[in-house]
Protein backbone atom coordinates (compact mmCIF):
# COMPACT_ATOMS: atom_id res chain seq x y z
CA MET A 1 15.96 17.90 -3.74
CA THR A 2 12.69 19.82 -3.89
CA GLU A 3 11.00 21.51 -0.98
CA VAL A 4 8.43 18.70 -0.82
CA GLN A 5 11.20 16.11 -0.52
CA SER A 6 12.98 17.93 2.28
CA ASN A 7 13.27 16.16 5.62
CA ALA A 8 11.07 17.21 8.50
CA GLY A 9 10.97 16.34 12.14
CA VAL A 10 8.55 13.68 13.33
CA GLY A 11 6.21 16.24 14.87
CA ARG A 12 6.75 19.00 12.31
CA PRO A 13 4.11 19.34 9.56
CA LEU A 14 5.32 18.16 6.19
CA PRO A 15 5.36 20.57 3.25
CA VAL A 16 2.18 20.25 1.22
CA PRO A 17 2.67 19.74 -2.53
CA THR A 18 0.97 22.22 -4.79
CA ILE A 19 -2.00 21.00 -6.82
CA GLU A 20 0.27 21.07 -9.88
CA GLU A 21 2.68 18.63 -8.21
CA LEU A 22 -0.07 16.15 -7.33
CA PRO A 23 -1.44 13.62 -9.83
CA PRO A 24 -4.08 15.52 -11.82
CA LEU A 25 -7.72 14.71 -11.17
CA VAL A 26 -8.42 13.11 -14.54
CA ALA A 27 -9.65 9.75 -15.82
CA ARG A 28 -6.77 7.42 -16.76
CA SER A 29 -6.11 4.20 -18.58
CA PRO A 30 -4.93 1.23 -16.48
CA LEU A 31 -1.28 1.68 -17.53
CA ALA A 32 -1.50 5.43 -16.89
CA THR A 33 -2.85 4.65 -13.41
CA ILE A 34 0.23 2.56 -12.63
CA ASP A 35 2.52 5.22 -14.10
CA GLU A 36 0.83 7.90 -11.99
CA ALA A 37 1.34 5.75 -8.88
CA VAL A 38 5.09 6.02 -9.46
CA THR A 39 4.72 9.79 -9.85
CA PHE A 40 2.79 9.89 -6.57
CA LEU A 41 5.61 8.08 -4.76
CA ARG A 42 8.20 10.45 -6.26
CA ILE A 43 6.53 13.46 -4.61
CA ASN A 44 8.11 12.47 -1.30
CA PRO A 45 9.82 9.05 -1.53
CA GLY A 46 11.40 9.39 1.91
CA LEU A 47 7.98 9.79 3.50
CA PHE A 48 6.26 7.01 1.57
CA PHE A 49 8.98 4.36 1.75
CA GLY A 50 9.79 5.35 5.33
CA LEU A 51 6.17 4.82 6.42
CA SER A 52 6.10 1.48 4.61
CA ALA A 53 9.26 0.37 6.42
CA ILE A 54 7.96 1.51 9.82
CA ILE A 55 4.73 -0.44 9.31
CA LEU A 56 6.27 -3.55 7.69
CA LEU A 57 9.43 -4.24 9.70
CA PRO A 58 7.79 -4.81 13.12
CA LEU A 59 5.40 -7.32 11.53
CA GLN A 60 8.29 -9.16 9.89
CA LEU A 61 10.08 -9.35 13.23
CA ILE A 62 6.96 -10.89 14.77
CA VAL A 63 7.10 -13.65 12.17
CA LEU A 64 10.72 -14.44 13.06
CA VAL A 65 9.97 -14.91 16.76
CA LEU A 66 6.69 -16.79 16.43
CA PRO A 67 6.68 -20.31 17.90
CA GLY A 68 7.51 -22.81 15.19
CA SER A 69 9.65 -20.43 13.20
CA SER A 70 12.26 -22.43 11.32
CA LEU A 71 14.77 -19.64 11.93
CA ARG A 72 14.70 -19.69 15.72
CA GLY A 73 17.81 -21.08 17.41
CA ASN A 74 19.86 -21.22 14.21
CA ARG A 75 22.75 -19.19 12.90
CA PRO A 76 21.86 -16.42 10.42
CA ASP A 77 24.15 -17.89 7.77
CA ARG A 78 21.97 -21.02 7.70
CA THR A 79 18.80 -19.07 6.93
CA VAL A 80 18.48 -20.06 3.28
CA ASP A 81 19.38 -23.72 3.86
CA ILE A 82 16.82 -23.96 6.65
CA LEU A 83 14.07 -22.49 4.52
CA ILE A 84 14.87 -24.72 1.52
CA ASN A 85 15.33 -27.96 3.46
CA SER A 86 12.31 -27.61 5.75
CA LEU A 87 9.56 -26.57 3.41
CA ASP A 88 7.87 -29.92 4.04
CA GLN A 89 7.78 -29.25 7.79
CA PRO A 90 4.53 -27.90 9.29
CA SER A 91 6.41 -25.21 11.21
CA ALA A 92 8.01 -23.86 8.05
CA VAL A 93 4.70 -23.88 6.18
CA ALA A 94 2.96 -22.11 9.07
CA ASN A 95 5.71 -19.54 9.31
CA GLY A 96 5.61 -18.94 5.57
CA PHE A 97 1.86 -18.45 5.80
CA GLY A 98 2.42 -16.02 8.67
CA THR A 99 4.84 -14.05 6.51
CA LEU A 100 2.24 -13.73 3.74
CA VAL A 101 -0.46 -12.68 6.19
CA PHE A 102 1.64 -10.03 7.92
CA GLU A 103 2.96 -8.60 4.65
CA SER A 104 -0.58 -8.41 3.29
CA LEU A 105 -1.79 -6.72 6.49
CA ALA A 106 1.14 -4.30 6.32
CA GLY A 107 0.26 -3.47 2.71
CA PHE A 108 -3.33 -2.77 3.73
CA ALA A 109 -2.19 -0.46 6.54
CA VAL A 110 0.19 1.36 4.18
CA ALA A 111 -2.62 1.93 1.67
CA VAL A 112 -4.82 3.35 4.45
CA THR A 113 -2.05 5.77 5.41
CA TYR A 114 -1.42 6.78 1.79
CA GLY A 115 -5.14 7.44 1.42
CA GLN A 116 -5.02 9.77 4.40
CA ILE A 117 -2.03 11.59 2.90
CA ALA A 118 -3.78 11.98 -0.47
CA SER A 119 -6.92 13.31 1.18
CA ALA A 120 -4.94 15.90 3.15
CA TRP A 121 -2.80 16.97 0.20
CA TYR A 122 -5.67 17.43 -2.23
CA SER A 123 -7.39 19.50 0.45
CA GLN A 124 -4.10 21.44 0.86
CA GLN A 125 -3.84 20.46 4.52
CA SER A 126 -0.57 19.65 6.24
CA LEU A 127 0.18 16.52 8.25
CA SER A 128 3.20 15.51 10.31
CA PRO A 129 4.72 11.99 10.35
CA LYS A 130 3.68 11.77 14.00
CA GLN A 131 0.04 12.48 13.11
CA LEU A 132 0.14 9.81 10.42
CA LEU A 133 1.63 7.18 12.73
CA VAL A 134 -0.74 8.02 15.59
CA ALA A 135 -3.73 7.83 13.22
CA SER A 136 -2.48 4.48 11.91
CA ALA A 137 -2.08 3.15 15.45
CA LYS A 138 -5.62 4.20 16.37
CA ARG A 139 -6.94 2.46 13.26
CA ILE A 140 -5.25 -0.89 13.97
CA PRO A 141 -8.47 -2.60 15.19
CA LEU A 142 -10.47 -1.24 12.24
CA MET A 143 -7.77 -2.09 9.69
CA THR A 144 -7.31 -5.60 11.06
CA ALA A 145 -11.03 -6.32 11.12
CA THR A 146 -11.53 -4.94 7.61
CA TRP A 147 -8.55 -6.89 6.27
CA VAL A 148 -9.89 -10.11 7.82
CA VAL A 149 -13.40 -9.61 6.45
CA THR A 150 -12.24 -8.78 2.93
CA HIS A 151 -9.86 -11.74 2.78
CA VAL A 152 -12.47 -14.13 4.16
CA PHE A 153 -14.78 -13.03 1.34
CA ILE A 154 -11.99 -13.40 -1.23
CA VAL A 155 -10.85 -16.83 -0.04
CA VAL A 156 -14.34 -18.31 0.36
CA SER A 157 -15.54 -16.99 -3.00
CA GLY A 158 -12.34 -18.26 -4.61
CA LEU A 159 -12.75 -21.76 -3.14
CA VAL A 160 -16.31 -22.16 -4.43
CA SER A 161 -15.48 -20.91 -7.94
CA LEU A 162 -11.96 -22.23 -8.65
CA GLY A 163 -10.53 -18.78 -8.02
CA LEU A 164 -12.52 -16.82 -10.58
CA LEU A 165 -15.03 -15.30 -8.19
CA GLY A 166 -12.18 -14.62 -5.74
CA VAL A 167 -10.53 -12.36 -8.30
CA LEU A 168 -13.77 -10.48 -8.84
CA VAL A 169 -14.30 -9.99 -5.10
CA GLY A 170 -10.68 -8.85 -4.82
CA VAL A 171 -11.44 -6.19 -7.43
CA PHE A 172 -14.55 -5.09 -5.51
CA PHE A 173 -12.46 -4.48 -2.40
CA MET A 174 -9.38 -3.04 -4.13
CA VAL A 175 -9.90 0.50 -2.82
CA VAL A 176 -11.21 -0.34 0.66
CA ALA A 177 -7.95 0.80 2.29
CA PRO A 178 -7.76 4.21 0.55
CA VAL A 179 -11.45 4.76 1.39
CA ILE A 180 -10.73 4.22 5.10
CA GLY A 181 -7.76 6.59 5.00
CA ALA A 182 -9.30 9.31 2.85
CA GLU A 183 -12.89 9.29 4.09
CA ALA A 184 -12.47 8.06 7.70
CA VAL A 185 -15.36 5.58 7.52
CA GLY A 186 -15.93 2.30 9.33
CA LEU A 187 -15.84 -1.32 8.23
CA GLY A 188 -19.27 -1.65 6.63
CA ASP A 189 -19.21 1.75 4.94
CA SER A 190 -15.72 1.19 3.53
CA LEU A 191 -16.73 -2.15 1.99
CA ARG A 192 -19.88 -0.69 0.45
CA ARG A 193 -18.03 2.40 -0.77
CA SER A 194 -15.27 0.35 -2.41
CA ARG A 195 -17.81 -1.90 -4.14
CA GLU A 196 -19.77 1.14 -5.33
CA LEU A 197 -16.68 2.78 -6.84
CA THR A 198 -15.14 -0.31 -8.45
CA THR A 199 -18.39 -1.61 -9.94
CA SER A 200 -19.00 1.80 -11.53
CA LYS A 201 -16.00 1.04 -13.79
CA LEU A 202 -15.52 -2.69 -13.36
CA GLY A 203 -13.43 -3.20 -16.50
CA GLN A 204 -11.04 -0.42 -15.53
CA SER A 205 -10.72 -1.74 -11.98
CA LEU A 206 -10.12 -5.31 -13.17
CA LEU A 207 -7.38 -4.29 -15.60
CA VAL A 208 -5.62 -2.26 -12.91
CA TYR A 209 -5.95 -5.18 -10.46
CA ILE A 210 -4.32 -7.59 -12.91
CA SER A 211 -1.67 -5.09 -14.06
CA VAL A 212 -0.51 -4.12 -10.57
CA ALA A 213 -0.34 -7.79 -9.52
CA ALA A 214 1.83 -8.62 -12.53
CA ALA A 215 4.03 -5.54 -12.12
CA GLY A 216 4.45 -6.25 -8.41
CA GLN A 217 5.62 -9.80 -9.15
CA VAL A 218 8.16 -8.57 -11.69
CA ILE A 219 9.54 -5.97 -9.27
CA ASP A 220 9.63 -8.46 -6.42
CA LEU A 221 11.45 -11.19 -8.35
CA SER A 222 13.88 -8.72 -9.91
CA ILE A 223 14.95 -7.39 -6.52
CA ARG A 224 14.97 -10.74 -4.68
CA PHE A 225 17.25 -12.35 -7.27
CA ALA A 226 19.66 -9.41 -7.23
CA PRO A 227 21.98 -10.82 -4.50
CA THR A 228 22.89 -13.81 -6.67
CA PHE A 229 24.19 -11.53 -9.41
CA ILE A 230 25.52 -8.62 -7.38
CA LEU A 231 27.06 -10.22 -4.30
CA GLY A 232 28.55 -13.06 -6.31
CA GLN A 233 31.26 -10.62 -7.34
CA PHE A 234 32.17 -9.83 -3.73
CA ASN A 235 33.21 -11.83 -0.71
CA VAL A 236 29.91 -11.22 1.09
CA PRO A 237 27.73 -14.02 2.54
CA ILE A 238 24.73 -14.54 0.32
CA TRP A 239 22.34 -14.74 3.30
CA ILE A 240 23.11 -11.11 4.18
CA GLY A 241 22.26 -9.92 0.69
CA GLU A 242 19.15 -12.04 0.48
CA SER A 243 17.86 -10.80 3.83
CA VAL A 244 18.43 -7.16 2.91
CA PHE A 245 17.03 -7.48 -0.61
CA ASP A 246 13.97 -9.35 0.65
CA VAL A 247 13.13 -6.45 2.95
CA VAL A 248 13.81 -3.90 0.21
CA ALA A 249 11.62 -5.84 -2.23
CA SER A 250 8.76 -6.01 0.27
CA ILE A 251 8.92 -2.28 1.03
CA ILE A 252 9.00 -1.28 -2.66
CA VAL A 253 6.22 -3.66 -3.74
CA ILE A 254 3.98 -2.70 -0.82
CA SER A 255 4.52 1.01 -1.48
CA PHE A 256 3.89 0.60 -5.21
CA THR A 257 0.73 -1.46 -4.70
CA ALA A 258 -0.62 0.94 -2.07
CA ALA A 259 0.07 3.98 -4.28
CA THR A 260 -1.68 2.29 -7.20
CA SER A 261 -4.78 1.61 -5.11
CA VAL A 262 -4.85 5.28 -4.08
CA ILE A 263 -4.54 6.50 -7.68
CA LEU A 264 -7.27 4.05 -8.75
CA TYR A 265 -9.47 5.37 -5.92
CA ILE A 266 -8.91 8.93 -7.17
CA ASP A 267 -9.58 7.86 -10.77
CA LEU A 268 -12.85 6.18 -9.81
CA ARG A 269 -14.00 9.22 -7.88
CA VAL A 270 -13.31 11.37 -10.94
CA ARG A 271 -15.25 8.99 -13.20
CA HIS A 272 -18.11 8.20 -10.81
CA GLU A 273 -18.56 11.46 -8.89
CA GLY A 274 -16.79 14.18 -10.84
CA ILE A 275 -14.59 15.00 -7.83
CA ASP A 276 -12.38 17.06 -10.15
CA LEU A 277 -15.27 19.43 -10.92
CA TYR A 278 -16.30 19.55 -7.27
CA MET A 279 -12.78 20.49 -6.19
CA ALA A 280 -12.52 23.13 -8.91
CA LEU A 281 -15.80 24.72 -7.80
CA SER A 282 -14.76 24.57 -4.14
CA ASP A 283 -11.46 26.27 -4.97
CA SER A 284 -13.23 28.97 -6.93
CA PHE A 285 -16.09 29.84 -4.60
CA SER A 286 -15.36 28.69 -1.05
CA ALA A 287 -13.95 30.90 1.71
CA ASP A 288 -11.38 28.16 2.32
CA ASN A 289 -9.70 29.11 -0.95
CA ARG A 290 -9.14 32.67 0.25
CA ARG A 291 -7.47 31.26 3.35
CA GLY A 292 -5.27 29.02 1.19
CA ARG A 293 -6.84 25.70 2.22
CA GLY A 294 -8.23 24.56 -1.10
CA GLY A 295 -11.42 22.57 -1.60
CA GLN A 296 -12.98 19.87 0.51
CA TRP A 297 -11.91 16.32 -0.39
CA ARG A 298 -14.20 14.17 1.74
């Protein structure tokens, strides 16, 4: 285990990776962007997956206790049967929709937090898990409002164009969350900033959008179907395995998608603004470099 991967207390600043350990500030192909997202997560997997779990699990619990949940008042071992046999019931449909909404909102919040981490690390500034969680809590109104606005745009544009325009709008807003985390801007500025960056390299952004969606589905299905093959060899109730693997799948897919959006955000800033050159000049000439802080990211 490297120094960067070492555990730290909630209030203790986390070790800051060196510039060499961070994804390099270079332009990448879509597949290289996805590959670099995995590298980004490997810098400190405990931090990244832990933050995803902390953000996701409370929202999943809310879904389970919402009125109309098909799981309320039933034994845990009947979970799968209930979900399969009641899909035609309004309560099950509503609860399933709630699950999608809360997981999407959790993914947005995770991407905001990852953006804040990337901004701090590239500026060689240290953050503690407590600072990250407090910052995320303070941003809940902004994140919720931004998530609602972006998804209203996506859904409405998709409905009037048989989905095609919805995909394009989704690409425009793909880096809204990292922008909020890295640049600490508000709703309107984050939407404009994301559109500015993604439209500067629309083809690149679209290919990453499609690739990460496909890769996320493959990862999700691979993990969710694992209990059937693994637990079938043991005398363990399938519902236990499915519940655990569902949570694991959600955490991994959300973390992977959020990391990819951060790497795409960095890639677009390199292509559109030359942030790599700016950081190199800041490191070479600023007084911050002599104090070991590195260049300015925002």
